[in-house]
Amino acid sequence: MTVAKLGISFPEKLVEEIDRLSKGLKKSRSEVVRDAITKMINDYKRQEAIEKAEKIYKEIAEDDKRLSEDFLSICAEPVYIYKVKKKAKKR
């Protein structure tokens, strides 16, 4: 994996938290920050996918409602039954 170096400024308190966390996890600062950013990006992508799915399901539900209303209006129309007279058999 190719690695790019970034110069990022953090508030002092956040750096202290990162240092405490990296010591507890036995990871470098870079690993802790990389893991946190990776998790944030994955969470963001997951949330986008969920929102997109919710939108699609909402559209499907609206379409289903329209279709069922159309179907009910068709079912409410009177139905005429036409009987066909059978021809008498010739002997």
Protein backbone atom coordinates (compact mmCIF):
# COMPACT_ATOMS: atom_id res chain seq x y z
CA MET A 1 0.00 0.00 0.00
CA THR A 2 1.34 3.40 -0.97
CA VAL A 3 1.38 5.82 1.94
CA ALA A 4 1.08 9.60 1.77
CA LYS A 5 2.14 11.76 4.68
CA LEU A 6 -0.11 14.55 5.88
CA GLY A 7 0.59 17.41 8.21
CA ILE A 8 -2.50 17.71 10.38
CA SER A 9 -3.06 20.02 13.33
CA PHE A 10 -5.02 18.74 16.35
CA PRO A 11 -6.02 20.42 19.58
CA GLU A 12 -3.63 19.49 22.40
CA LYS A 13 -6.35 17.64 24.37
CA LEU A 14 -7.15 15.47 21.35
CA VAL A 15 -3.46 14.60 20.93
CA GLU A 16 -3.36 13.56 24.60
CA GLU A 17 -6.41 11.32 24.03
CA ILE A 18 -4.81 9.81 20.93
CA ASP A 19 -1.60 9.15 22.86
CA ARG A 20 -3.50 7.50 25.73
CA LEU A 21 -5.49 5.39 23.31
CA SER A 22 -2.47 4.37 21.24
CA LYS A 23 -0.62 3.34 24.40
CA GLY A 24 -3.58 1.27 25.61
CA LEU A 25 -4.04 -0.38 22.22
CA LYS A 26 -0.29 -0.74 21.68
CA LYS A 27 -0.60 1.00 18.33
CA SER A 28 1.16 4.01 16.87
CA ARG A 29 -0.51 7.40 16.70
CA SER A 30 -0.73 7.00 12.94
CA GLU A 31 -2.52 3.65 13.29
CA VAL A 32 -5.02 5.05 15.77
CA VAL A 33 -5.78 8.08 13.59
CA ARG A 34 -5.88 5.94 10.43
CA ASP A 35 -8.27 3.43 12.09
CA ALA A 36 -10.51 6.24 13.35
CA ILE A 37 -10.69 7.95 9.96
CA THR A 38 -11.27 4.63 8.17
CA LYS A 39 -14.12 3.83 10.57
CA MET A 40 -15.62 7.27 10.05
CA ILE A 41 -15.47 6.92 6.26
CA ASN A 42 -17.03 3.43 6.41
CA ASP A 43 -19.78 4.68 8.74
CA TYR A 44 -20.45 7.58 6.39
CA LYS A 45 -20.69 5.28 3.36
CA ARG A 46 -22.96 2.89 5.27
CA GLN A 47 -25.22 5.78 6.30
CA GLU A 48 -25.39 6.99 2.69
CA ALA A 49 -26.39 3.48 1.56
CA ILE A 50 -29.06 3.27 4.28
CA GLU A 51 -30.49 6.66 3.32
CA LYS A 52 -30.54 5.67 -0.35
CA ALA A 53 -32.29 2.38 0.49
CA GLU A 54 -34.84 4.22 2.66
CA LYS A 55 -35.58 6.57 -0.22
CA ILE A 56 -36.02 3.67 -2.64
CA TYR A 57 -38.27 1.76 -0.22
CA LYS A 58 -40.34 4.90 0.36
CA GLU A 59 -40.81 5.31 -3.41
CA ILE A 60 -41.77 1.64 -3.72
CA ALA A 61 -44.29 2.01 -0.88
CA GLU A 62 -45.82 5.07 -2.58
CA ASP A 63 -46.05 3.17 -5.88
CA ASP A 64 -47.63 0.18 -4.12
CA LYS A 65 -50.18 2.46 -2.46
CA ARG A 66 -51.10 4.04 -5.79
CA LEU A 67 -51.40 0.65 -7.44
CA SER A 68 -53.58 -0.73 -4.66
CA GLU A 69 -55.83 2.35 -4.80
CA ASP A 70 -56.15 1.94 -8.57
CA PHE A 71 -56.91 -1.74 -8.15
CA LEU A 72 -59.54 -1.04 -5.47
CA SER A 73 -61.25 1.51 -7.71
CA ILE A 74 -61.36 -1.07 -10.50
CA CYS A 75 -62.75 -3.68 -8.10
CA ALA A 76 -65.44 -1.25 -6.95
CA GLU A 77 -66.88 -1.01 -10.46
CA PRO A 78 -69.92 -3.21 -11.02
CA VAL A 79 -69.21 -6.46 -12.75
CA TYR A 80 -71.67 -7.71 -15.31
CA ILE A 81 -71.87 -11.42 -15.84
CA TYR A 82 -72.81 -12.40 -19.30
CA LYS A 83 -74.31 -15.82 -19.72
CA VAL A 84 -74.01 -17.60 -22.98
CA LYS A 85 -76.98 -19.74 -23.88
CA LYS A 86 -76.03 -23.23 -24.82
CA LYS A 87 -77.34 -24.46 -28.12
CA ALA A 88 -79.60 -27.43 -27.90
CA LYS A 89 -78.06 -30.57 -29.26
CA LYS A 90 -79.59 -31.83 -32.48
CA ARG A 91 -80.60 -35.47 -32.54
